[in-house]
Amino acid sequence: MDQKPARVRIVDAAHELMLSIGLARTTTKEIARAAGCSEAALYKYFSSKEELFVTVLAERLPRLGTLLGELSADEGTVEGNLTEIARVAALFYEQTFPMAASLYAEPRLKRRHEEGVGGLEAGPHLPIRQLDTYLRAEQGAGRLRADADTYAAASLLLGACAQRAFAYAALPGGTPPQPLDDFAASLARTLLGGIGPQGLSGIS
C-alpha cells in the first residue's frame, strides 16, 4: 500500500485523473478511490473538487504563480525575467489546458466550477494581474517605457503561452514547431521590442 500521507495521495490522484479524463468528468468519489481512501477522508482535507483543482495547479504544475509572486523590479534583466516567465507559463498552460478544456463542453458544470473557484482567490486572470504588477514595477524603475500599457503587455505574453498550448494540443503528437526555450526567448525579445526604452530589449 502507498505509504504517502493521505493528502499527498489525494492530490496525486486528482492530478492524474484531471489530466487523463478532464476536470468535468473527474469526481471526488473517483479521486478518493484512486487515492485509496474514503470520500469522507478526502473532505477532511478539501472542501470541494474546485479546491482540489486549485491545489493541483499550485502544487503539481509548473509554479507560475510562485514565480510571478517572487519577481521584483531591478533583479536580473527584464528580458531574462520575461523569458523565464514565458517558459514556465507555456509549460503551465500545456498541462492546464487538457484538464480544463472539458468544462467548456458542459456549460452547467462550467458555471458550477466558476462558482466554486470564486471564493478561493484563484482563476486564469490572476497571472495576468501578477505579471502586470511586475511590469509596472519595472516601469517605475525606468526599465520599461513610461507610456507602455503593462496590462496589455502581460495579456500578450501570457495569451501567447496559452494559445501555444491550445493551438497544438489537437495535432498529432501535439508538438509546437518551435522548441520551448526558443519560443520563450523570442516572445520576450519581441514583446520588449515594443515596451522597452527606445525599443531596447536586453536592458539590465
C-alpha atoms as a PDB file:
ATOM      1  CA  MET A   1       0.000   0.000   0.000  1.00  0.00           C
ATOM      2  CA  ASP A   2       1.152   3.562  -0.778  1.00  0.00           C
ATOM      3  CA  GLN A   3       2.768   4.971   2.377  1.00  0.00           C
ATOM      4  CA  LYS A   4       2.438   8.615   1.339  1.00  0.00           C
ATOM      5  CA  PRO A   5       0.316  10.839   3.607  1.00  0.00           C
ATOM      6  CA  ALA A   6      -3.372  10.835   2.670  1.00  0.00           C
ATOM      7  CA  ARG A   7      -3.352  14.440   1.495  1.00  0.00           C
ATOM      8  CA  VAL A   8      -0.455  13.777  -0.890  1.00  0.00           C
ATOM      9  CA  ARG A   9      -2.187  10.680  -2.303  1.00  0.00           C
ATOM     10  CA  ILE A  10      -5.379  12.649  -2.840  1.00  0.00           C
ATOM     11  CA  VAL A  11      -3.633  15.482  -4.706  1.00  0.00           C
ATOM     12  CA  ASP A  12      -1.627  12.976  -6.787  1.00  0.00           C
ATOM     13  CA  ALA A  13      -4.793  11.086  -7.705  1.00  0.00           C
ATOM     14  CA  ALA A  14      -6.639  14.295  -8.572  1.00  0.00           C
ATOM     15  CA  HIS A  15      -3.767  15.403 -10.796  1.00  0.00           C
ATOM     16  CA  GLU A  16      -3.642  12.103 -12.687  1.00  0.00           C
ATOM     17  CA  LEU A  17      -7.403  11.904 -13.175  1.00  0.00           C
ATOM     18  CA  MET A  18      -7.790  15.524 -14.247  1.00  0.00           C
ATOM     19  CA  LEU A  19      -5.016  15.070 -16.818  1.00  0.00           C
ATOM     20  CA  SER A  20      -6.378  11.791 -18.176  1.00  0.00           C
ATOM     21  CA  ILE A  21     -10.157  12.352 -18.266  1.00  0.00           C
ATOM     22  CA  GLY A  22     -10.539  16.085 -17.721  1.00  0.00           C
ATOM     23  CA  LEU A  23     -11.841  18.183 -14.882  1.00  0.00           C
ATOM     24  CA  ALA A  24     -15.519  17.885 -15.826  1.00  0.00           C
ATOM     25  CA  ARG A  25     -15.534  14.079 -15.675  1.00  0.00           C
ATOM     26  CA  THR A  26     -13.413  13.770 -12.537  1.00  0.00           C
ATOM     27  CA  THR A  27     -15.425  13.294  -9.340  1.00  0.00           C
ATOM     28  CA  THR A  28     -14.386  13.357  -5.701  1.00  0.00           C
ATOM     29  CA  LYS A  29     -15.570   9.744  -5.426  1.00  0.00           C
ATOM     30  CA  GLU A  30     -13.156   8.674  -8.202  1.00  0.00           C
ATOM     31  CA  ILE A  31     -10.341  10.702  -6.688  1.00  0.00           C
ATOM     32  CA  ALA A  32     -10.882   9.074  -3.274  1.00  0.00           C
ATOM     33  CA  ARG A  33     -10.951   5.604  -4.843  1.00  0.00           C
ATOM     34  CA  ALA A  34      -7.724   6.258  -6.757  1.00  0.00           C
ATOM     35  CA  ALA A  35      -6.098   7.650  -3.598  1.00  0.00           C
ATOM     36  CA  GLY A  36      -7.107   4.594  -1.564  1.00  0.00           C
ATOM     37  CA  CYS A  37      -9.257   6.470   0.920  1.00  0.00           C
ATOM     38  CA  SER A  38     -12.909   7.198   1.570  1.00  0.00           C
ATOM     39  CA  GLU A  39     -14.680  10.225   0.140  1.00  0.00           C
ATOM     40  CA  ALA A  40     -15.266  11.366   3.735  1.00  0.00           C
ATOM     41  CA  ALA A  41     -11.488  11.319   4.299  1.00  0.00           C
ATOM     42  CA  LEU A  42     -10.994  13.440   1.185  1.00  0.00           C
ATOM     43  CA  TYR A  43     -13.356  16.066   2.586  1.00  0.00           C
ATOM     44  CA  LYS A  44     -11.242  16.320   5.727  1.00  0.00           C
ATOM     45  CA  TYR A  45      -8.584  17.992   3.572  1.00  0.00           C
ATOM     46  CA  PHE A  46     -10.563  19.647   0.771  1.00  0.00           C
ATOM     47  CA  SER A  47     -13.990  21.252   0.774  1.00  0.00           C
ATOM     48  CA  SER A  48     -14.696  20.644  -2.925  1.00  0.00           C
ATOM     49  CA  LYS A  49     -13.365  19.395  -6.238  1.00  0.00           C
ATOM     50  CA  GLU A  50     -12.718  23.029  -7.146  1.00  0.00           C
ATOM     51  CA  GLU A  51     -10.422  23.476  -4.154  1.00  0.00           C
ATOM     52  CA  LEU A  52      -8.608  20.300  -5.201  1.00  0.00           C
ATOM     53  CA  PHE A  53      -8.196  21.662  -8.730  1.00  0.00           C
ATOM     54  CA  VAL A  54      -6.678  24.889  -7.403  1.00  0.00           C
ATOM     55  CA  THR A  55      -4.352  22.803  -5.201  1.00  0.00           C
ATOM     56  CA  VAL A  56      -3.258  20.698  -8.176  1.00  0.00           C
ATOM     57  CA  LEU A  57      -2.473  23.872 -10.131  1.00  0.00           C
ATOM     58  CA  ALA A  58      -0.417  25.247  -7.244  1.00  0.00           C
ATOM     59  CA  GLU A  59       1.375  22.064  -6.157  1.00  0.00           C
ATOM     60  CA  ARG A  60       1.688  19.739  -9.157  1.00  0.00           C
ATOM     61  CA  LEU A  61       2.079  22.020 -12.174  1.00  0.00           C
ATOM     62  CA  PRO A  62       4.934  24.368 -13.130  1.00  0.00           C
ATOM     63  CA  ARG A  63       4.772  27.074 -10.461  1.00  0.00           C
ATOM     64  CA  LEU A  64       3.750  30.086 -12.492  1.00  0.00           C
ATOM     65  CA  GLY A  65       2.036  31.894  -9.612  1.00  0.00           C
ATOM     66  CA  THR A  66       5.035  31.429  -7.332  1.00  0.00           C
ATOM     67  CA  LEU A  67       7.435  32.719  -9.979  1.00  0.00           C
ATOM     68  CA  LEU A  68       5.317  35.793 -10.668  1.00  0.00           C
ATOM     69  CA  GLY A  69       4.866  36.480  -6.971  1.00  0.00           C
ATOM     70  CA  GLU A  70       8.598  36.361  -6.279  1.00  0.00           C
ATOM     71  CA  LEU A  71       9.768  38.657  -9.076  1.00  0.00           C
ATOM     72  CA  SER A  72      10.796  42.176  -8.212  1.00  0.00           C
ATOM     73  CA  ALA A  73      11.982  45.083 -10.304  1.00  0.00           C
ATOM     74  CA  ASP A  74      15.689  45.682 -10.866  1.00  0.00           C
ATOM     75  CA  GLU A  75      16.605  41.981 -10.454  1.00  0.00           C
ATOM     76  CA  GLY A  76      18.377  40.368 -13.389  1.00  0.00           C
ATOM     77  CA  THR A  77      17.377  41.704 -16.816  1.00  0.00           C
ATOM     78  CA  VAL A  78      13.819  42.329 -17.909  1.00  0.00           C
ATOM     79  CA  GLU A  79      14.397  40.152 -20.961  1.00  0.00           C
ATOM     80  CA  GLY A  80      15.758  37.313 -18.832  1.00  0.00           C
ATOM     81  CA  ASN A  81      12.853  37.556 -16.409  1.00  0.00           C
ATOM     82  CA  LEU A  82      10.240  37.593 -19.168  1.00  0.00           C
ATOM     83  CA  THR A  83      11.928  34.681 -20.910  1.00  0.00           C
ATOM     84  CA  GLU A  84      11.661  32.587 -17.736  1.00  0.00           C
ATOM     85  CA  ILE A  85       8.038  33.667 -17.218  1.00  0.00           C
ATOM     86  CA  ALA A  86       7.192  32.674 -20.796  1.00  0.00           C
ATOM     87  CA  ARG A  87       8.919  29.305 -20.417  1.00  0.00           C
ATOM     88  CA  VAL A  88       7.111  28.416 -17.174  1.00  0.00           C
ATOM     89  CA  ALA A  89       3.794  29.807 -18.420  1.00  0.00           C
ATOM     90  CA  ALA A  90       3.954  27.734 -21.600  1.00  0.00           C
ATOM     91  CA  LEU A  91       4.529  24.573 -19.545  1.00  0.00           C
ATOM     92  CA  PHE A  92       1.775  25.553 -17.099  1.00  0.00           C
ATOM     93  CA  TYR A  93      -0.839  26.097 -19.809  1.00  0.00           C
ATOM     94  CA  GLU A  94       0.297  22.979 -21.650  1.00  0.00           C
ATOM     95  CA  GLN A  95      -0.749  20.922 -18.629  1.00  0.00           C
ATOM     96  CA  THR A  96      -3.732  23.037 -17.598  1.00  0.00           C
ATOM     97  CA  PHE A  97      -5.457  23.019 -20.972  1.00  0.00           C
ATOM     98  CA  PRO A  98      -6.256  19.269 -21.086  1.00  0.00           C
ATOM     99  CA  MET A  99      -7.671  19.474 -17.559  1.00  0.00           C
ATOM    100  CA  ALA A 100      -9.947  22.460 -18.013  1.00  0.00           C
ATOM    101  CA  ALA A 101     -10.968  22.065 -21.670  1.00  0.00           C
ATOM    102  CA  SER A 102     -13.663  19.507 -20.835  1.00  0.00           C
ATOM    103  CA  LEU A 103     -15.542  22.131 -18.802  1.00  0.00           C
ATOM    104  CA  TYR A 104     -16.385  24.064 -21.962  1.00  0.00           C
ATOM    105  CA  ALA A 105     -18.381  21.103 -23.265  1.00  0.00           C
ATOM    106  CA  GLU A 106     -20.580  21.172 -20.144  1.00  0.00           C
ATOM    107  CA  PRO A 107     -21.937  24.713 -19.524  1.00  0.00           C
ATOM    108  CA  ARG A 108     -23.686  23.665 -16.306  1.00  0.00           C
ATOM    109  CA  LEU A 109     -20.503  22.185 -14.866  1.00  0.00           C
ATOM    110  CA  LYS A 110     -18.514  25.209 -16.026  1.00  0.00           C
ATOM    111  CA  ARG A 111     -20.869  27.529 -14.118  1.00  0.00           C
ATOM    112  CA  ARG A 112     -20.619  25.349 -11.024  1.00  0.00           C
ATOM    113  CA  HIS A 113     -16.838  25.313 -11.287  1.00  0.00           C
ATOM    114  CA  GLU A 114     -16.730  29.110 -11.621  1.00  0.00           C
ATOM    115  CA  GLU A 115     -18.938  29.474  -8.563  1.00  0.00           C
ATOM    116  CA  GLY A 116     -16.758  27.042  -6.601  1.00  0.00           C
ATOM    117  CA  VAL A 117     -13.495  28.746  -7.528  1.00  0.00           C
ATOM    118  CA  GLY A 118     -14.918  32.225  -6.995  1.00  0.00           C
ATOM    119  CA  GLY A 119     -14.236  32.280  -3.268  1.00  0.00           C
ATOM    120  CA  LEU A 120     -10.743  30.762  -3.491  1.00  0.00           C
ATOM    121  CA  GLU A 121      -8.877  33.801  -4.873  1.00  0.00           C
ATOM    122  CA  ALA A 122      -7.979  31.782  -7.949  1.00  0.00           C
ATOM    123  CA  GLY A 123      -8.611  31.925 -11.661  1.00  0.00           C
ATOM    124  CA  PRO A 124      -6.925  32.431 -15.036  1.00  0.00           C
ATOM    125  CA  HIS A 125      -6.935  36.224 -14.589  1.00  0.00           C
ATOM    126  CA  LEU A 126      -4.547  36.129 -11.631  1.00  0.00           C
ATOM    127  CA  PRO A 127      -1.291  35.501 -13.571  1.00  0.00           C
ATOM    128  CA  ILE A 128      -2.156  38.466 -15.824  1.00  0.00           C
ATOM    129  CA  ARG A 129      -2.666  40.648 -12.768  1.00  0.00           C
ATOM    130  CA  GLN A 130       0.596  39.434 -11.204  1.00  0.00           C
ATOM    131  CA  LEU A 131       2.591  39.995 -14.387  1.00  0.00           C
ATOM    132  CA  ASP A 132       1.038  43.431 -14.814  1.00  0.00           C
ATOM    133  CA  THR A 133       2.147  44.286 -11.260  1.00  0.00           C
ATOM    134  CA  TYR A 134       5.713  43.184 -12.052  1.00  0.00           C
ATOM    135  CA  LEU A 135       5.811  45.146 -15.314  1.00  0.00           C
ATOM    136  CA  ARG A 136       4.509  48.286 -13.604  1.00  0.00           C
ATOM    137  CA  ALA A 137       7.298  47.925 -11.036  1.00  0.00           C
ATOM    138  CA  GLU A 138       9.863  47.706 -13.855  1.00  0.00           C
ATOM    139  CA  GLN A 139       8.213  50.725 -15.450  1.00  0.00           C
ATOM    140  CA  GLY A 140       8.621  52.622 -12.184  1.00  0.00           C
ATOM    141  CA  ALA A 141      12.285  51.609 -12.111  1.00  0.00           C
ATOM    142  CA  GLY A 142      12.754  53.106 -15.574  1.00  0.00           C
ATOM    143  CA  ARG A 143      13.420  49.791 -17.303  1.00  0.00           C
ATOM    144  CA  LEU A 144      10.279  49.968 -19.462  1.00  0.00           C
ATOM    145  CA  ARG A 145       8.819  52.823 -21.472  1.00  0.00           C
ATOM    146  CA  ALA A 146       6.767  55.198 -19.340  1.00  0.00           C
ATOM    147  CA  ASP A 147       3.863  55.086 -21.812  1.00  0.00           C
ATOM    148  CA  ALA A 148       3.842  51.269 -22.157  1.00  0.00           C
ATOM    149  CA  ASP A 149       0.494  49.558 -21.481  1.00  0.00           C
ATOM    150  CA  THR A 150       1.669  46.992 -18.942  1.00  0.00           C
ATOM    151  CA  TYR A 151      -1.690  45.201 -18.728  1.00  0.00           C
ATOM    152  CA  ALA A 152      -1.772  44.742 -22.494  1.00  0.00           C
ATOM    153  CA  ALA A 153       1.830  43.503 -22.429  1.00  0.00           C
ATOM    154  CA  ALA A 154       1.037  40.983 -19.674  1.00  0.00           C
ATOM    155  CA  SER A 155      -2.014  39.796 -21.607  1.00  0.00           C
ATOM    156  CA  LEU A 156       0.004  39.422 -24.810  1.00  0.00           C
ATOM    157  CA  LEU A 157       2.761  37.359 -23.212  1.00  0.00           C
ATOM    158  CA  LEU A 158       0.523  35.012 -21.240  1.00  0.00           C
ATOM    159  CA  GLY A 159      -2.037  34.849 -24.035  1.00  0.00           C
ATOM    160  CA  ALA A 160       0.661  33.679 -26.446  1.00  0.00           C
ATOM    161  CA  CYS A 161       1.693  30.958 -23.994  1.00  0.00           C
ATOM    162  CA  ALA A 162      -1.901  29.784 -23.552  1.00  0.00           C
ATOM    163  CA  GLN A 163      -2.507  29.877 -27.305  1.00  0.00           C
ATOM    164  CA  ARG A 164       0.586  27.729 -27.871  1.00  0.00           C
ATOM    165  CA  ALA A 165      -0.972  25.025 -25.691  1.00  0.00           C
ATOM    166  CA  PHE A 166      -4.377  25.330 -27.378  1.00  0.00           C
ATOM    167  CA  ALA A 167      -3.159  25.517 -30.968  1.00  0.00           C
ATOM    168  CA  TYR A 168      -1.105  22.342 -30.933  1.00  0.00           C
ATOM    169  CA  ALA A 169      -2.969  20.151 -28.412  1.00  0.00           C
ATOM    170  CA  ALA A 170      -5.236  18.649 -31.081  1.00  0.00           C
ATOM    171  CA  LEU A 171      -2.473  17.963 -33.620  1.00  0.00           C
ATOM    172  CA  PRO A 172      -0.796  14.535 -33.956  1.00  0.00           C
ATOM    173  CA  GLY A 173       1.940  14.486 -31.339  1.00  0.00           C
ATOM    174  CA  GLY A 174       0.859  17.892 -30.072  1.00  0.00           C
ATOM    175  CA  THR A 175       4.347  19.300 -30.636  1.00  0.00           C
ATOM    176  CA  PRO A 176       4.759  23.000 -31.498  1.00  0.00           C
ATOM    177  CA  PRO A 177       7.226  23.712 -34.330  1.00  0.00           C
ATOM    178  CA  GLN A 178       9.446  25.916 -32.147  1.00  0.00           C
ATOM    179  CA  PRO A 179      11.310  24.431 -29.156  1.00  0.00           C
ATOM    180  CA  LEU A 180      10.130  25.790 -25.817  1.00  0.00           C
ATOM    181  CA  ASP A 181      13.317  27.685 -24.954  1.00  0.00           C
ATOM    182  CA  ASP A 182      13.423  29.328 -28.396  1.00  0.00           C
ATOM    183  CA  PHE A 183       9.741  30.252 -28.140  1.00  0.00           C
ATOM    184  CA  ALA A 184      10.182  31.807 -24.693  1.00  0.00           C
ATOM    185  CA  ALA A 185      13.269  33.813 -25.683  1.00  0.00           C
ATOM    186  CA  SER A 186      11.725  35.034 -28.937  1.00  0.00           C
ATOM    187  CA  LEU A 187       8.467  36.005 -27.221  1.00  0.00           C
ATOM    188  CA  ALA A 188      10.251  38.014 -24.517  1.00  0.00           C
ATOM    189  CA  ARG A 189      12.505  39.721 -27.062  1.00  0.00           C
ATOM    190  CA  THR A 190       9.603  40.609 -29.356  1.00  0.00           C
ATOM    191  CA  LEU A 191       7.492  41.981 -26.502  1.00  0.00           C
ATOM    192  CA  LEU A 192      10.334  44.117 -25.206  1.00  0.00           C
ATOM    193  CA  GLY A 193      10.882  45.478 -28.705  1.00  0.00           C
ATOM    194  CA  GLY A 194       7.631  47.334 -28.149  1.00  0.00           C
ATOM    195  CA  ILE A 195       7.736  48.271 -24.451  1.00  0.00           C
ATOM    196  CA  GLY A 196      11.453  48.591 -23.666  1.00  0.00           C
ATOM    197  CA  PRO A 197      13.118  52.042 -23.615  1.00  0.00           C
ATOM    198  CA  GLN A 198      13.828  53.102 -27.200  1.00  0.00           C
ATOM    199  CA  GLY A 199      12.805  49.568 -28.229  1.00  0.00           C
ATOM    200  CA  LEU A 200      15.815  48.026 -26.493  1.00  0.00           C
ATOM    201  CA  SER A 201      15.198  44.546 -25.063  1.00  0.00           C
ATOM    202  CA  GLY A 202      18.203  43.329 -23.105  1.00  0.00           C
ATOM    203  CA  ILE A 203      18.235  46.107 -20.558  1.00  0.00           C
ATOM    204  CA  SER A 204      19.853  45.471 -17.220  1.00  0.00           C
END
